[in-house]
Amino acid sequence: MATARTSKNLANRERARERRLTLQAEQIKRDQLIDEHTADFLDLVDQREAIRADLAAFDAKLATKLAALISDGGLSARDAQALLEIDAAEVKRLRSLASAHEAPTLPTASPAHNGEPTRAE
């Protein structure tokens, strides 16, 4: 009777081991799918960021051209809007973008001399 139990116990252990190996194989397949989908998603995020950077550069070019049209052409923002067939919000956005991209010019004049001697005098 002990040998029957022992052989049954060995058979159950073998079944358990086979089941565990099957479950591990299924988990490996799921993990591979998760890795594949995650990698694809991250690739798309990288592509989106590159497109956003390209779009920002393109918007800067549009803003520069709009600013030049208004300043060099002597047009009002409303006239430029009508000429370019864009809405007022887009004109405002591009003008804001153009002013943000302009390098600020700081005055280079020396401080006012109030009549008192300076260190160099």
C-alpha atoms as a PDB file:
ATOM      1  CA  MET A   1       0.000   0.000   0.000  1.00  0.00           C
ATOM      2  CA  ALA A   2       2.905   2.352   0.672  1.00  0.00           C
ATOM      3  CA  THR A   3       4.199   1.816  -2.849  1.00  0.00           C
ATOM      4  CA  ALA A   4       0.824   2.765  -4.319  1.00  0.00           C
ATOM      5  CA  ARG A   5       0.847   5.980  -2.323  1.00  0.00           C
ATOM      6  CA  THR A   6       4.403   6.716  -3.307  1.00  0.00           C
ATOM      7  CA  SER A   7       3.746   6.152  -6.989  1.00  0.00           C
ATOM      8  CA  LYS A   8       0.548   8.244  -6.802  1.00  0.00           C
ATOM      9  CA  ASN A   9       2.454  10.989  -5.000  1.00  0.00           C
ATOM     10  CA  LEU A  10       5.152  10.903  -7.700  1.00  0.00           C
ATOM     11  CA  ALA A  11       2.495  11.054 -10.424  1.00  0.00           C
ATOM     12  CA  ASN A  12       0.842  14.047  -8.748  1.00  0.00           C
ATOM     13  CA  ARG A  13       4.190  15.797  -8.438  1.00  0.00           C
ATOM     14  CA  GLU A  14       4.840  15.190 -12.119  1.00  0.00           C
ATOM     15  CA  ARG A  15       1.390  16.581 -13.019  1.00  0.00           C
ATOM     16  CA  ALA A  16       2.040  19.621 -10.817  1.00  0.00           C
ATOM     17  CA  ARG A  17       5.409  20.183 -12.456  1.00  0.00           C
ATOM     18  CA  GLU A  18       3.887  19.933 -15.956  1.00  0.00           C
ATOM     19  CA  ARG A  19       1.105  22.335 -14.984  1.00  0.00           C
ATOM     20  CA  ARG A  20       3.648  24.791 -13.539  1.00  0.00           C
ATOM     21  CA  LEU A  21       5.705  24.623 -16.728  1.00  0.00           C
ATOM     22  CA  THR A  22       2.580  25.237 -18.810  1.00  0.00           C
ATOM     23  CA  LEU A  23       1.668  28.240 -16.657  1.00  0.00           C
ATOM     24  CA  GLN A  24       5.216  29.571 -16.891  1.00  0.00           C
ATOM     25  CA  ALA A  25       5.119  29.296 -20.685  1.00  0.00           C
ATOM     26  CA  GLU A  26       1.812  31.184 -20.763  1.00  0.00           C
ATOM     27  CA  GLN A  27       3.266  33.863 -18.471  1.00  0.00           C
ATOM     28  CA  ILE A  28       6.318  34.179 -20.699  1.00  0.00           C
ATOM     29  CA  LYS A  29       4.043  34.717 -23.725  1.00  0.00           C
ATOM     30  CA  ARG A  30       2.054  37.372 -21.828  1.00  0.00           C
ATOM     31  CA  ASP A  31       5.264  39.065 -20.708  1.00  0.00           C
ATOM     32  CA  GLN A  32       6.540  39.104 -24.289  1.00  0.00           C
ATOM     33  CA  LEU A  33       3.279  40.693 -25.480  1.00  0.00           C
ATOM     34  CA  ILE A  34       3.466  43.273 -22.704  1.00  0.00           C
ATOM     35  CA  ASP A  35       7.069  44.079 -23.653  1.00  0.00           C
ATOM     36  CA  GLU A  36       6.146  44.373 -27.328  1.00  0.00           C
ATOM     37  CA  HIS A  37       3.161  46.651 -26.697  1.00  0.00           C
ATOM     38  CA  THR A  38       5.129  48.775 -24.242  1.00  0.00           C
ATOM     39  CA  ALA A  39       8.014  49.200 -26.691  1.00  0.00           C
ATOM     40  CA  ASP A  40       5.572  50.133 -29.487  1.00  0.00           C
ATOM     41  CA  PHE A  41       3.877  52.671 -27.232  1.00  0.00           C
ATOM     42  CA  LEU A  42       7.190  54.255 -26.229  1.00  0.00           C
ATOM     43  CA  ASP A  43       8.244  54.430 -29.889  1.00  0.00           C
ATOM     44  CA  LEU A  44       5.027  56.288 -30.662  1.00  0.00           C
ATOM     45  CA  VAL A  45       5.624  58.689 -27.773  1.00  0.00           C
ATOM     46  CA  ASP A  46       9.103  59.420 -29.160  1.00  0.00           C
ATOM     47  CA  GLN A  47       7.644  60.002 -32.620  1.00  0.00           C
ATOM     48  CA  ARG A  48       5.007  62.330 -31.170  1.00  0.00           C
ATOM     49  CA  GLU A  49       7.671  64.371 -29.369  1.00  0.00           C
ATOM     50  CA  ALA A  50       9.663  64.692 -32.596  1.00  0.00           C
ATOM     51  CA  ILE A  51       6.536  65.838 -34.422  1.00  0.00           C
ATOM     52  CA  ARG A  52       5.796  68.367 -31.669  1.00  0.00           C
ATOM     53  CA  ALA A  53       9.317  69.748 -31.985  1.00  0.00           C
ATOM     54  CA  ASP A  54       8.925  70.002 -35.767  1.00  0.00           C
ATOM     55  CA  LEU A  55       5.546  71.673 -35.327  1.00  0.00           C
ATOM     56  CA  ALA A  56       6.989  74.191 -32.854  1.00  0.00           C
ATOM     57  CA  ALA A  57       9.745  75.060 -35.323  1.00  0.00           C
ATOM     58  CA  PHE A  58       7.187  75.400 -38.104  1.00  0.00           C
ATOM     59  CA  ASP A  59       4.982  77.624 -35.919  1.00  0.00           C
ATOM     60  CA  ALA A  60       8.008  79.822 -35.225  1.00  0.00           C
ATOM     61  CA  LYS A  61       8.524  80.237 -38.979  1.00  0.00           C
ATOM     62  CA  LEU A  62       4.848  81.120 -39.450  1.00  0.00           C
ATOM     63  CA  ALA A  63       5.050  83.607 -36.603  1.00  0.00           C
ATOM     64  CA  THR A  64       8.119  85.249 -38.098  1.00  0.00           C
ATOM     65  CA  LYS A  65       6.475  85.576 -41.504  1.00  0.00           C
ATOM     66  CA  LEU A  66       3.285  86.987 -39.999  1.00  0.00           C
ATOM     67  CA  ALA A  67       5.276  89.536 -37.994  1.00  0.00           C
ATOM     68  CA  ALA A  68       7.199  90.517 -41.128  1.00  0.00           C
ATOM     69  CA  LEU A  69       3.981  90.844 -43.105  1.00  0.00           C
ATOM     70  CA  ILE A  70       2.475  93.114 -40.486  1.00  0.00           C
ATOM     71  CA  SER A  71       5.567  95.233 -39.858  1.00  0.00           C
ATOM     72  CA  ASP A  72       7.098  95.395 -43.339  1.00  0.00           C
ATOM     73  CA  GLY A  73       3.804  95.435 -45.186  1.00  0.00           C
ATOM     74  CA  GLY A  74       2.284  98.050 -42.923  1.00  0.00           C
ATOM     75  CA  LEU A  75      -0.767  95.883 -42.313  1.00  0.00           C
ATOM     76  CA  SER A  76      -2.910  95.723 -39.241  1.00  0.00           C
ATOM     77  CA  ALA A  77      -3.416  92.386 -37.579  1.00  0.00           C
ATOM     78  CA  ARG A  78      -6.988  92.394 -38.881  1.00  0.00           C
ATOM     79  CA  ASP A  79      -5.820  93.041 -42.448  1.00  0.00           C
ATOM     80  CA  ALA A  80      -3.272  90.214 -42.169  1.00  0.00           C
ATOM     81  CA  GLN A  81      -6.002  87.960 -40.797  1.00  0.00           C
ATOM     82  CA  ALA A  82      -8.243  88.682 -43.780  1.00  0.00           C
ATOM     83  CA  LEU A  83      -5.403  88.387 -46.285  1.00  0.00           C
ATOM     84  CA  LEU A  84      -4.219  85.049 -44.893  1.00  0.00           C
ATOM     85  CA  GLU A  85      -7.713  83.728 -44.190  1.00  0.00           C
ATOM     86  CA  ILE A  86      -6.923  82.761 -40.607  1.00  0.00           C
ATOM     87  CA  ASP A  87      -8.946  83.492 -37.512  1.00  0.00           C
ATOM     88  CA  ALA A  88      -8.163  86.174 -34.952  1.00  0.00           C
ATOM     89  CA  ALA A  89      -7.109  83.626 -32.333  1.00  0.00           C
ATOM     90  CA  GLU A  90      -4.454  82.250 -34.698  1.00  0.00           C
ATOM     91  CA  VAL A  91      -3.161  85.749 -35.446  1.00  0.00           C
ATOM     92  CA  LYS A  92      -2.952  86.438 -31.724  1.00  0.00           C
ATOM     93  CA  ARG A  93      -1.215  83.113 -31.028  1.00  0.00           C
ATOM     94  CA  LEU A  94       1.348  83.619 -33.788  1.00  0.00           C
ATOM     95  CA  ARG A  95       2.033  87.230 -32.821  1.00  0.00           C
ATOM     96  CA  SER A  96       2.552  86.139 -29.232  1.00  0.00           C
ATOM     97  CA  LEU A  97       4.870  83.395 -30.399  1.00  0.00           C
ATOM     98  CA  ALA A  98       6.822  85.833 -32.567  1.00  0.00           C
ATOM     99  CA  SER A  99       7.305  88.244 -29.691  1.00  0.00           C
ATOM    100  CA  ALA A 100       8.430  85.383 -27.450  1.00  0.00           C
ATOM    101  CA  HIS A 101      11.081  84.358 -29.995  1.00  0.00           C
ATOM    102  CA  GLU A 102      12.463  87.842 -30.455  1.00  0.00           C
ATOM    103  CA  ALA A 103      15.635  88.441 -28.510  1.00  0.00           C
ATOM    104  CA  PRO A 104      15.087  91.175 -25.974  1.00  0.00           C
ATOM    105  CA  THR A 105      17.161  94.248 -26.650  1.00  0.00           C
ATOM    106  CA  LEU A 106      18.551  95.797 -23.520  1.00  0.00           C
ATOM    107  CA  PRO A 107      19.604  99.447 -23.452  1.00  0.00           C
ATOM    108  CA  THR A 108      23.351  99.856 -23.570  1.00  0.00           C
ATOM    109  CA  ALA A 109      23.456 103.472 -22.417  1.00  0.00           C
ATOM    110  CA  SER A 110      25.670 104.225 -19.447  1.00  0.00           C
ATOM    111  CA  PRO A 111      24.036 105.248 -16.170  1.00  0.00           C
ATOM    112  CA  ALA A 112      23.110 108.901 -15.873  1.00  0.00           C
ATOM    113  CA  HIS A 113      25.836 111.097 -14.494  1.00  0.00           C
ATOM    114  CA  ASN A 114      24.447 113.208 -11.661  1.00  0.00           C
ATOM    115  CA  GLY A 115      27.429 115.533 -11.332  1.00  0.00           C
ATOM    116  CA  GLU A 116      29.192 113.635  -8.580  1.00  0.00           C
ATOM    117  CA  PRO A 117      32.596 112.193  -9.320  1.00  0.00           C
ATOM    118  CA  THR A 118      32.823 108.538 -10.152  1.00  0.00           C
ATOM    119  CA  ARG A 119      35.694 106.263  -9.256  1.00  0.00           C
ATOM    120  CA  ALA A 120      37.326 106.833 -12.633  1.00  0.00           C
ATOM    121  CA  GLU A 121      37.210 110.610 -12.260  1.00  0.00           C
END
